[in-house]
Amino acid sequence: MSTVKRAVLLALLCLPLFALADDLKPGYPPVRTRDGILVDLKGRGLYTFDGDPIGKSKCINQCRLLWPPITAEADAKPMGSFTVLDRGDGSRQWAYKGKPLYRWASDKNRGDAGGEGVAGVWHLVHIALPAATAPAPPPASASAPTTH
């Protein structure tokens, strides 16, 4: 097989992967849920910092290098529990229920969530999943017949 044919075949095989990686709509928060935890588009855990008041990030300078903020684009708008806050450096950041969202720089792979509990102040964002509803009990008149 020629090099050109191999390159074309490889490109065609990779197209679905690129489509999956870029399924984010403009202005939407770049997050998903996995097992009741908020994750970024690469599947790594997202965190909040106890030192942040609602609507403001206190994680700046060195902190920002270890805990990169989940940045929001200029066209990002609040949606549901997700809001956008302005950071002091002119950038914007996504927040969940008013708490700024971050990644832990050491989380490299899908499923990583190693920042949970760091220094007792960093926490994964847990999302309450809808409770499974149990079927309603049968009406009293539909109970099993009794034998005498």
C-alpha atoms as a PDB file:
ATOM      1  CA  MET A   1       0.000   0.000   0.000  1.00  0.00           C
ATOM      2  CA  SER A   2       1.391   3.411  -0.926  1.00  0.00           C
ATOM      3  CA  THR A   3       2.170   6.067   1.682  1.00  0.00           C
ATOM      4  CA  VAL A   4      -0.556   8.329   0.296  1.00  0.00           C
ATOM      5  CA  LYS A   5      -3.169   5.575   0.522  1.00  0.00           C
ATOM      6  CA  ARG A   6      -2.101   4.825   4.099  1.00  0.00           C
ATOM      7  CA  ALA A   7      -2.376   8.507   5.041  1.00  0.00           C
ATOM      8  CA  VAL A   8      -5.850   8.791   3.507  1.00  0.00           C
ATOM      9  CA  LEU A   9      -6.996   5.582   5.227  1.00  0.00           C
ATOM     10  CA  LEU A  10      -5.632   6.782   8.576  1.00  0.00           C
ATOM     11  CA  ALA A  11      -7.343  10.158   8.172  1.00  0.00           C
ATOM     12  CA  LEU A  12     -10.673   8.468   7.377  1.00  0.00           C
ATOM     13  CA  LEU A  13     -10.369   6.187  10.396  1.00  0.00           C
ATOM     14  CA  CYS A  14      -9.606   9.129  12.698  1.00  0.00           C
ATOM     15  CA  LEU A  15     -12.484  11.362  11.562  1.00  0.00           C
ATOM     16  CA  PRO A  16     -15.006   9.847  14.002  1.00  0.00           C
ATOM     17  CA  LEU A  17     -12.570  10.415  16.874  1.00  0.00           C
ATOM     18  CA  PHE A  18     -12.186  14.085  15.988  1.00  0.00           C
ATOM     19  CA  ALA A  19     -15.946  14.459  15.759  1.00  0.00           C
ATOM     20  CA  LEU A  20     -16.398  12.978  19.242  1.00  0.00           C
ATOM     21  CA  ALA A  21     -13.690  15.169  20.740  1.00  0.00           C
ATOM     22  CA  ASP A  22     -15.229  18.322  19.332  1.00  0.00           C
ATOM     23  CA  ASP A  23     -18.913  17.766  20.132  1.00  0.00           C
ATOM     24  CA  LEU A  24     -19.108  20.856  22.323  1.00  0.00           C
ATOM     25  CA  LYS A  25     -21.496  23.569  21.252  1.00  0.00           C
ATOM     26  CA  PRO A  26     -20.142  27.141  21.377  1.00  0.00           C
ATOM     27  CA  GLY A  27     -20.959  28.877  24.648  1.00  0.00           C
ATOM     28  CA  TYR A  28     -21.694  25.624  26.521  1.00  0.00           C
ATOM     29  CA  PRO A  29     -19.704  24.512  29.579  1.00  0.00           C
ATOM     30  CA  PRO A  30     -16.950  22.039  28.579  1.00  0.00           C
ATOM     31  CA  VAL A  31     -18.036  19.419  31.094  1.00  0.00           C
ATOM     32  CA  ARG A  32     -19.695  16.019  31.230  1.00  0.00           C
ATOM     33  CA  THR A  33     -20.706  13.701  34.060  1.00  0.00           C
ATOM     34  CA  ARG A  34     -19.243  10.306  34.809  1.00  0.00           C
ATOM     35  CA  ASP A  35     -20.513   8.170  37.685  1.00  0.00           C
ATOM     36  CA  GLY A  36     -22.041  11.222  39.344  1.00  0.00           C
ATOM     37  CA  ILE A  37     -18.886  13.355  39.075  1.00  0.00           C
ATOM     38  CA  LEU A  38     -18.290  16.374  36.827  1.00  0.00           C
ATOM     39  CA  VAL A  39     -15.444  15.737  34.380  1.00  0.00           C
ATOM     40  CA  ASP A  40     -13.814  17.728  31.587  1.00  0.00           C
ATOM     41  CA  LEU A  41     -14.109  16.690  27.939  1.00  0.00           C
ATOM     42  CA  LYS A  42     -11.130  14.341  28.392  1.00  0.00           C
ATOM     43  CA  GLY A  43     -12.855  12.574  31.286  1.00  0.00           C
ATOM     44  CA  ARG A  44     -10.679  13.998  34.078  1.00  0.00           C
ATOM     45  CA  GLY A  45     -12.286  15.027  37.373  1.00  0.00           C
ATOM     46  CA  LEU A  46     -13.301  18.646  38.067  1.00  0.00           C
ATOM     47  CA  TYR A  47     -12.855  20.305  41.436  1.00  0.00           C
ATOM     48  CA  THR A  48     -13.910  23.187  43.651  1.00  0.00           C
ATOM     49  CA  PHE A  49     -11.746  25.001  46.206  1.00  0.00           C
ATOM     50  CA  ASP A  50     -13.010  25.670  49.742  1.00  0.00           C
ATOM     51  CA  GLY A  51     -11.209  29.031  49.740  1.00  0.00           C
ATOM     52  CA  ASP A  52     -13.351  30.406  46.906  1.00  0.00           C
ATOM     53  CA  PRO A  53     -16.385  32.448  47.889  1.00  0.00           C
ATOM     54  CA  ILE A  54     -19.446  32.046  45.645  1.00  0.00           C
ATOM     55  CA  GLY A  55     -18.839  33.780  42.310  1.00  0.00           C
ATOM     56  CA  LYS A  56     -15.115  34.517  42.787  1.00  0.00           C
ATOM     57  CA  SER A  57     -11.854  32.648  42.229  1.00  0.00           C
ATOM     58  CA  LYS A  58      -9.100  33.035  44.805  1.00  0.00           C
ATOM     59  CA  CYS A  59      -6.868  30.519  43.010  1.00  0.00           C
ATOM     60  CA  ILE A  60      -4.335  32.758  41.268  1.00  0.00           C
ATOM     61  CA  ASN A  61      -0.602  32.802  40.523  1.00  0.00           C
ATOM     62  CA  GLN A  62       1.061  29.499  41.558  1.00  0.00           C
ATOM     63  CA  CYS A  63      -2.281  27.981  42.527  1.00  0.00           C
ATOM     64  CA  ARG A  64      -3.523  28.509  38.971  1.00  0.00           C
ATOM     65  CA  LEU A  65      -0.620  26.461  37.610  1.00  0.00           C
ATOM     66  CA  LEU A  66      -1.478  23.471  39.809  1.00  0.00           C
ATOM     67  CA  TRP A  67      -5.237  23.919  39.485  1.00  0.00           C
ATOM     68  CA  PRO A  68      -5.982  25.245  35.974  1.00  0.00           C
ATOM     69  CA  PRO A  69      -9.367  27.001  35.833  1.00  0.00           C
ATOM     70  CA  ILE A  70     -12.027  25.712  33.449  1.00  0.00           C
ATOM     71  CA  THR A  71     -11.999  28.677  31.126  1.00  0.00           C
ATOM     72  CA  ALA A  72     -15.099  30.089  29.488  1.00  0.00           C
ATOM     73  CA  GLU A  73     -15.125  31.578  26.011  1.00  0.00           C
ATOM     74  CA  ALA A  74     -16.340  35.106  25.321  1.00  0.00           C
ATOM     75  CA  ASP A  75     -19.710  33.799  24.060  1.00  0.00           C
ATOM     76  CA  ALA A  76     -20.303  31.619  27.156  1.00  0.00           C
ATOM     77  CA  LYS A  77     -23.568  32.274  28.935  1.00  0.00           C
ATOM     78  CA  PRO A  78     -24.978  30.891  32.205  1.00  0.00           C
ATOM     79  CA  MET A  79     -27.072  27.729  31.790  1.00  0.00           C
ATOM     80  CA  GLY A  80     -28.843  26.010  34.621  1.00  0.00           C
ATOM     81  CA  SER A  81     -26.440  25.421  37.508  1.00  0.00           C
ATOM     82  CA  PHE A  82     -23.488  26.614  35.400  1.00  0.00           C
ATOM     83  CA  THR A  83     -22.450  30.262  35.567  1.00  0.00           C
ATOM     84  CA  VAL A  84     -19.543  32.277  34.207  1.00  0.00           C
ATOM     85  CA  LEU A  85     -17.377  34.501  36.360  1.00  0.00           C
ATOM     86  CA  ASP A  86     -14.750  37.074  35.468  1.00  0.00           C
ATOM     87  CA  ARG A  87     -11.297  36.359  36.855  1.00  0.00           C
ATOM     88  CA  GLY A  88      -9.073  39.244  37.912  1.00  0.00           C
ATOM     89  CA  ASP A  89      -6.720  38.651  34.962  1.00  0.00           C
ATOM     90  CA  GLY A  90      -9.382  39.341  32.324  1.00  0.00           C
ATOM     91  CA  SER A  91     -10.164  35.696  31.590  1.00  0.00           C
ATOM     92  CA  ARG A  92     -13.493  34.025  32.319  1.00  0.00           C
ATOM     93  CA  GLN A  93     -14.163  30.825  34.204  1.00  0.00           C
ATOM     94  CA  TRP A  94     -17.004  28.332  34.470  1.00  0.00           C
ATOM     95  CA  ALA A  95     -18.596  27.789  37.871  1.00  0.00           C
ATOM     96  CA  TYR A  96     -21.041  25.185  39.139  1.00  0.00           C
ATOM     97  CA  LYS A  97     -23.646  26.516  41.578  1.00  0.00           C
ATOM     98  CA  GLY A  98     -21.463  29.608  41.925  1.00  0.00           C
ATOM     99  CA  LYS A  99     -18.271  27.700  42.799  1.00  0.00           C
ATOM    100  CA  PRO A 100     -15.410  28.114  40.272  1.00  0.00           C
ATOM    101  CA  LEU A 101     -14.355  24.896  38.488  1.00  0.00           C
ATOM    102  CA  TYR A 102     -10.773  23.641  38.198  1.00  0.00           C
ATOM    103  CA  ARG A 103      -8.712  20.686  37.003  1.00  0.00           C
ATOM    104  CA  TRP A 104      -5.818  19.162  38.978  1.00  0.00           C
ATOM    105  CA  ALA A 105      -2.677  19.426  36.824  1.00  0.00           C
ATOM    106  CA  SER A 106      -1.586  15.909  37.836  1.00  0.00           C
ATOM    107  CA  ASP A 107      -4.742  14.347  36.382  1.00  0.00           C
ATOM    108  CA  LYS A 108      -3.551  13.338  32.928  1.00  0.00           C
ATOM    109  CA  ASN A 109      -5.822  10.525  31.755  1.00  0.00           C
ATOM    110  CA  ARG A 110      -9.522   9.730  31.423  1.00  0.00           C
ATOM    111  CA  GLY A 111     -10.817   8.680  34.821  1.00  0.00           C
ATOM    112  CA  ASP A 112      -8.104  10.485  36.809  1.00  0.00           C
ATOM    113  CA  ALA A 113      -9.387  12.168  39.972  1.00  0.00           C
ATOM    114  CA  GLY A 114      -6.248  12.417  42.118  1.00  0.00           C
ATOM    115  CA  GLY A 115      -6.955  15.913  43.398  1.00  0.00           C
ATOM    116  CA  GLU A 116      -9.792  14.802  45.686  1.00  0.00           C
ATOM    117  CA  GLY A 117      -9.038  15.977  49.228  1.00  0.00           C
ATOM    118  CA  VAL A 118      -5.705  17.674  48.453  1.00  0.00           C
ATOM    119  CA  ALA A 119      -4.782  19.816  51.479  1.00  0.00           C
ATOM    120  CA  GLY A 120      -8.295  19.119  52.751  1.00  0.00           C
ATOM    121  CA  VAL A 121      -9.674  21.973  50.598  1.00  0.00           C
ATOM    122  CA  TRP A 122     -10.024  20.577  47.055  1.00  0.00           C
ATOM    123  CA  HIS A 123     -13.057  18.450  46.219  1.00  0.00           C
ATOM    124  CA  LEU A 124     -14.464  16.619  43.228  1.00  0.00           C
ATOM    125  CA  VAL A 125     -17.791  18.024  42.089  1.00  0.00           C
ATOM    126  CA  HIS A 126     -20.481  15.443  42.790  1.00  0.00           C
ATOM    127  CA  ILE A 127     -23.737  15.712  40.871  1.00  0.00           C
ATOM    128  CA  ALA A 128     -26.880  14.283  42.395  1.00  0.00           C
ATOM    129  CA  LEU A 129     -28.142  11.731  39.932  1.00  0.00           C
ATOM    130  CA  PRO A 130     -31.905  11.310  39.642  1.00  0.00           C
ATOM    131  CA  ALA A 131     -33.105   8.662  42.059  1.00  0.00           C
ATOM    132  CA  ALA A 132     -34.470   5.519  40.520  1.00  0.00           C
ATOM    133  CA  THR A 133     -38.159   5.403  41.081  1.00  0.00           C
ATOM    134  CA  ALA A 134     -39.610   2.219  42.513  1.00  0.00           C
ATOM    135  CA  PRO A 135     -42.808   0.971  40.962  1.00  0.00           C
ATOM    136  CA  ALA A 136     -45.919   1.981  42.878  1.00  0.00           C
ATOM    137  CA  PRO A 137     -47.437  -0.755  45.031  1.00  0.00           C
ATOM    138  CA  PRO A 138     -50.576  -2.328  43.625  1.00  0.00           C
ATOM    139  CA  PRO A 139     -53.875  -0.857  44.825  1.00  0.00           C
ATOM    140  CA  ALA A 140     -55.440  -2.615  47.820  1.00  0.00           C
ATOM    141  CA  SER A 141     -58.237  -4.002  45.641  1.00  0.00           C
ATOM    142  CA  ALA A 142     -55.671  -5.723  43.424  1.00  0.00           C
ATOM    143  CA  SER A 143     -54.097  -7.749  46.239  1.00  0.00           C
ATOM    144  CA  ALA A 144     -53.944 -11.486  45.944  1.00  0.00           C
ATOM    145  CA  PRO A 145     -57.201 -13.290  46.660  1.00  0.00           C
ATOM    146  CA  THR A 146     -57.489 -14.905  50.038  1.00  0.00           C
ATOM    147  CA  THR A 147     -58.506 -18.499  50.502  1.00  0.00           C
ATOM    148  CA  HIS A 148     -60.864 -19.589  53.275  1.00  0.00           C
END
